[in-house]
Protein backbone atom coordinates (compact mmCIF):
# COMPACT_ATOMS: atom_id res chain seq x y z
CA UNK A 1 -12.39 18.26 19.71
CA UNK A 2 -10.84 16.89 16.54
CA UNK A 3 -10.93 13.12 16.44
CA UNK A 4 -9.36 10.72 13.98
CA UNK A 5 -10.01 6.99 13.68
CA UNK A 6 -7.75 5.00 11.39
CA UNK A 7 -8.36 1.36 10.56
CA UNK A 8 -5.34 -0.91 10.26
CA UNK A 9 -6.71 -4.00 8.56
CA UNK A 10 -3.48 -5.98 9.04
CA UNK A 11 -1.88 -4.07 11.93
CA UNK A 12 -0.79 -6.33 14.81
CA UNK A 13 -3.15 -6.28 17.77
CA UNK A 14 -1.04 -8.31 20.20
CA UNK A 15 2.35 -9.95 20.58
CA UNK A 16 5.88 -8.72 20.02
CA UNK A 17 5.95 -5.90 17.50
CA UNK A 18 8.88 -6.19 15.03
CA UNK A 19 10.23 -2.65 15.24
CA UNK A 20 12.59 -3.26 12.32
CA UNK A 21 9.80 -4.44 10.03
CA UNK A 22 6.81 -2.16 10.62
CA UNK A 23 5.74 -2.14 6.98
CA UNK A 24 5.51 -5.89 6.45
CA UNK A 25 5.94 -8.06 9.53
CA UNK A 26 3.86 -5.72 11.68
CA UNK A 27 1.04 -5.44 9.11
CA UNK A 28 1.59 -1.86 7.86
CA UNK A 29 1.99 -0.53 11.36
CA UNK A 30 4.12 2.17 9.68
CA UNK A 31 0.88 3.63 8.27
CA UNK A 32 -0.61 3.78 11.77
CA UNK A 33 2.49 5.42 13.22
CA UNK A 34 2.56 8.14 10.55
CA UNK A 35 -1.15 8.79 11.05
CA UNK A 36 -0.64 9.22 14.79
CA UNK A 37 2.20 11.66 14.26
CA UNK A 38 0.23 13.69 11.71
CA UNK A 39 -2.82 13.82 13.94
CA UNK A 40 -1.17 14.85 17.19
CA UNK A 41 2.19 16.48 16.52
CA UNK A 42 3.05 20.01 15.50
CA UNK A 43 6.57 21.23 14.85
CA UNK A 44 7.20 21.86 18.55
CA UNK A 45 4.57 20.00 20.52
CA UNK A 46 1.21 18.29 20.58
CA UNK A 47 -2.24 19.44 19.54
CA UNK A 48 -4.25 19.79 22.74
CA UNK A 49 -7.64 19.59 21.01
CA UNK A 50 -7.04 16.32 19.15
CA UNK A 51 -7.19 12.59 19.78
CA UNK A 52 -6.68 9.59 17.53
CA UNK A 53 -7.85 5.99 17.81
CA UNK A 54 -5.77 3.34 16.08
CA UNK A 55 -7.80 0.25 15.17
CA UNK A 56 -5.46 -2.75 15.17
CA UNK A 57 -7.32 -5.48 13.32
CA UNK A 58 -4.59 -7.85 12.15
CA UNK A 59 -4.32 -10.19 15.11
CA UNK A 60 -3.15 -12.42 16.51
CA UNK A 61 -6.31 -12.60 18.58
CA UNK A 62 -9.17 -10.10 18.83
CA UNK A 63 -9.13 -6.56 17.50
CA UNK A 64 -7.67 -3.83 19.68
CA UNK A 65 -8.06 -0.05 19.87
CA UNK A 66 -5.45 2.42 21.07
CA UNK A 67 -6.58 5.96 21.91
CA UNK A 68 -3.96 8.68 22.19
CA UNK A 69 -5.08 12.03 23.63
CA UNK A 70 -3.01 15.04 22.64
CA UNK A 71 -3.77 17.02 25.81
CA UNK A 72 -2.48 14.20 28.03
CA UNK A 73 0.12 12.18 26.17
CA UNK A 74 3.70 11.97 27.37
CA UNK A 75 6.73 9.94 26.37
CA UNK A 76 6.20 10.12 22.60
CA UNK A 77 8.71 11.87 20.38
CA UNK A 78 8.60 12.95 16.74
CA UNK A 79 10.34 9.84 15.47
CA UNK A 80 8.62 6.76 14.03
CA UNK A 81 10.54 4.20 16.03
CA UNK A 82 9.78 6.02 19.29
CA UNK A 83 6.06 6.03 18.51
CA UNK A 84 6.16 2.38 17.45
CA UNK A 85 7.92 1.54 20.70
CA UNK A 86 5.03 2.95 22.71
CA UNK A 87 2.57 0.89 20.64
CA UNK A 88 4.75 -2.20 21.16
CA UNK A 89 4.51 -1.80 24.94
CA UNK A 90 0.72 -1.67 24.82
CA UNK A 91 0.08 -4.65 22.57
CA UNK A 92 2.09 -6.88 24.91
CA UNK A 93 -0.55 -6.24 27.57
CA UNK A 94 -3.71 -8.34 28.02
CA UNK A 95 -6.59 -7.03 25.91
CA UNK A 96 -9.18 -5.09 27.94
CA UNK A 97 -12.90 -5.77 27.42
CA UNK A 98 -14.71 -3.96 24.62
CA UNK A 99 -15.72 -0.47 25.75
CA UNK A 100 -13.38 -0.39 28.76
CA UNK A 101 -10.48 2.02 28.29
CA UNK A 102 -7.38 1.21 30.34
CA UNK A 103 -4.70 3.91 30.62
CA UNK A 104 -1.35 2.27 29.83
CA UNK A 105 0.72 5.43 30.13
CA UNK A 106 -0.15 9.15 30.29
CA UNK A 107 -2.57 9.88 27.45
CA UNK A 108 -2.43 6.37 25.91
CA UNK A 109 -5.51 4.20 26.40
CA UNK A 110 -6.18 0.58 25.44
CA UNK A 111 -9.48 -1.20 24.71
CA UNK A 112 -11.00 -4.02 22.75
CA UNK A 113 -13.43 -3.41 19.91
CA UNK A 114 -13.51 -2.14 16.36
CA UNK A 115 -14.69 0.85 14.34
CA UNK A 116 -18.34 0.08 15.12
CA UNK A 117 -17.61 0.56 18.82
CA UNK A 118 -15.81 3.83 18.13
CA UNK A 119 -18.74 5.15 16.12
CA UNK A 120 -21.09 4.32 19.00
CA UNK A 121 -18.81 6.18 21.41
CA UNK A 122 -18.76 9.23 19.12
CA UNK A 123 -22.47 9.71 19.77
CA UNK A 124 -22.47 13.52 19.69
CA UNK A 125 -19.82 14.00 17.00
CA UNK A 126 -20.05 15.05 13.35
CA UNK A 127 -18.54 11.95 11.70
CA UNK A 128 -16.85 12.16 8.30
CA UNK A 129 -15.70 9.07 6.38
CA UNK A 130 -13.03 10.20 3.95
CA UNK A 131 -13.57 8.84 0.43
CA UNK A 132 -12.02 10.26 -2.75
CA UNK A 133 -15.22 9.55 -4.71
CA UNK A 134 -17.51 11.58 -2.42
CA UNK A 135 -18.47 15.27 -2.21
CA UNK A 136 -15.74 17.70 -1.24
CA UNK A 137 -15.18 18.34 2.47
CA UNK A 138 -15.35 22.10 1.96
CA UNK A 139 -18.22 24.30 0.76
CA UNK A 140 -18.28 25.20 -2.95
CA UNK A 141 -17.87 28.91 -2.14
CA UNK A 142 -15.23 28.40 0.55
CA UNK A 143 -12.18 30.62 0.73
CA UNK A 144 -8.94 30.34 2.68
CA UNK A 145 -8.94 33.35 5.05
CA UNK A 146 -5.99 35.73 4.96
CA UNK A 147 -5.82 35.45 8.75
CA UNK A 148 -6.29 32.09 10.45
CA UNK A 149 -9.74 31.67 12.01
CA UNK A 150 -9.60 28.22 13.64
CA UNK A 151 -12.88 26.31 13.74
CA UNK A 152 -11.55 24.28 16.65
CA UNK A 153 -9.24 25.35 19.42
CA UNK A 154 -8.16 24.48 22.92
CA UNK A 155 -8.77 27.77 24.71
CA UNK A 156 -9.72 27.55 28.37
CA UNK A 157 -12.99 28.87 29.78
CA UNK A 158 -13.32 30.65 33.12
CA UNK A 159 -13.82 27.35 34.97
CA UNK A 160 -10.64 25.92 33.43
CA UNK A 161 -12.25 23.53 30.98
CA UNK A 162 -11.30 23.35 27.32
CA UNK A 163 -13.58 25.15 24.88
CA UNK A 164 -13.89 23.75 21.35
CA UNK A 165 -16.17 25.27 18.74
CA UNK A 166 -16.19 22.19 16.52
CA UNK A 167 -16.54 18.54 17.50
CA UNK A 168 -15.70 16.44 14.47
CA UNK A 169 -14.44 12.93 13.84
CA UNK A 170 -12.73 11.62 10.71
CA UNK A 171 -12.55 7.95 9.74
CA UNK A 172 -9.71 6.80 7.48
CA UNK A 173 -8.34 3.48 6.31
CA UNK A 174 -4.83 2.19 5.77
CA UNK A 175 -3.75 1.03 2.31
CA UNK A 176 -6.96 -0.98 1.96
CA UNK A 177 -10.37 0.37 0.98
CA UNK A 178 -12.51 1.86 3.74
CA UNK A 179 -15.50 -0.43 4.12
CA UNK A 180 -17.83 0.55 6.94
CA UNK A 181 -21.64 0.51 7.21
CA UNK A 182 -22.92 4.03 6.58
CA UNK A 183 -25.82 5.51 8.52
CA UNK A 184 -27.38 8.95 8.87
CA UNK A 185 -24.71 9.97 11.40
CA UNK A 186 -21.83 9.42 8.95
CA UNK A 187 -21.15 11.64 5.94
CA UNK A 188 -18.79 10.65 3.14
CA UNK A 189 -16.52 13.47 2.05
CA UNK A 190 -13.52 13.85 -0.23
CA UNK A 191 -10.26 15.80 -0.13
CA UNK A 192 -9.99 15.58 -3.92
CA UNK A 193 -9.94 13.02 -6.70
CA UNK A 194 -6.47 11.78 -5.80
CA UNK A 195 -6.28 8.96 -3.24
CA UNK A 196 -3.94 10.31 -0.56
CA UNK A 197 -1.93 8.53 2.08
CA UNK A 198 -3.61 8.68 5.47
CA UNK A 199 -1.12 10.99 7.18
CA UNK A 200 -1.37 13.47 4.29
CA UNK A 201 -5.18 13.44 4.50
CA UNK A 202 -5.00 14.12 8.23
CA UNK A 203 -2.68 17.07 7.61
CA UNK A 204 -5.14 18.58 5.12
CA UNK A 205 -8.03 18.17 7.57
CA UNK A 206 -6.02 20.00 10.21
CA UNK A 207 -5.16 22.77 7.75
CA UNK A 208 -8.79 23.35 6.77
CA UNK A 209 -9.89 23.55 10.40
CA UNK A 210 -6.86 25.62 11.48
CA UNK A 211 -7.61 28.23 8.81
CA UNK A 212 -11.38 28.27 9.34
CA UNK A 213 -12.39 27.10 5.87
CA UNK A 214 -16.17 26.50 5.70
CA UNK A 215 -16.74 22.76 5.83
CA UNK A 216 -19.43 20.79 4.04
CA UNK A 217 -20.72 18.74 6.98
């Protein structure tokens, strides 16, 4: 499974989302929407081996997490306003307790909590915090294969369950600096010296895993 967690420091966590002012009035919710689209959408569908958790930390009220699961989600289209509309429906609902995931619509789950709670839930996952000043995400001798050799896929086993060769989680921030407590479970890695927008960084992570580039994890 490929997992992405993006922290929206000012993104609205409850109330009426201003769909015509996602960049300012909604607290850079536009960044969260683009990250969701980059994480889950391909040209003609959804990635079945991917999920993303949006951390809405801007209030009013407590922090909220939205988890969108690519293998289950319905009702989202490749258009920013459509995605924002689904988020708007959720944040009008009462906030669930921390650690309790409530399904609001197919593949869209709602919970209280913050990035610390997500890290605890990712207890068996290789966790990468993306930071431009860290070591590269790929091995120094890595090559891009001529033929794609995905490190993660959604092929089904004989009993019908999904088989994934790589279980990895990436943590990203919005336009503010990523500031999380690091422990031995979290590695800091870079996609290059240039600070990229979150949705671009997610696209590069997908590309590296899709092609089977050897990762430095």
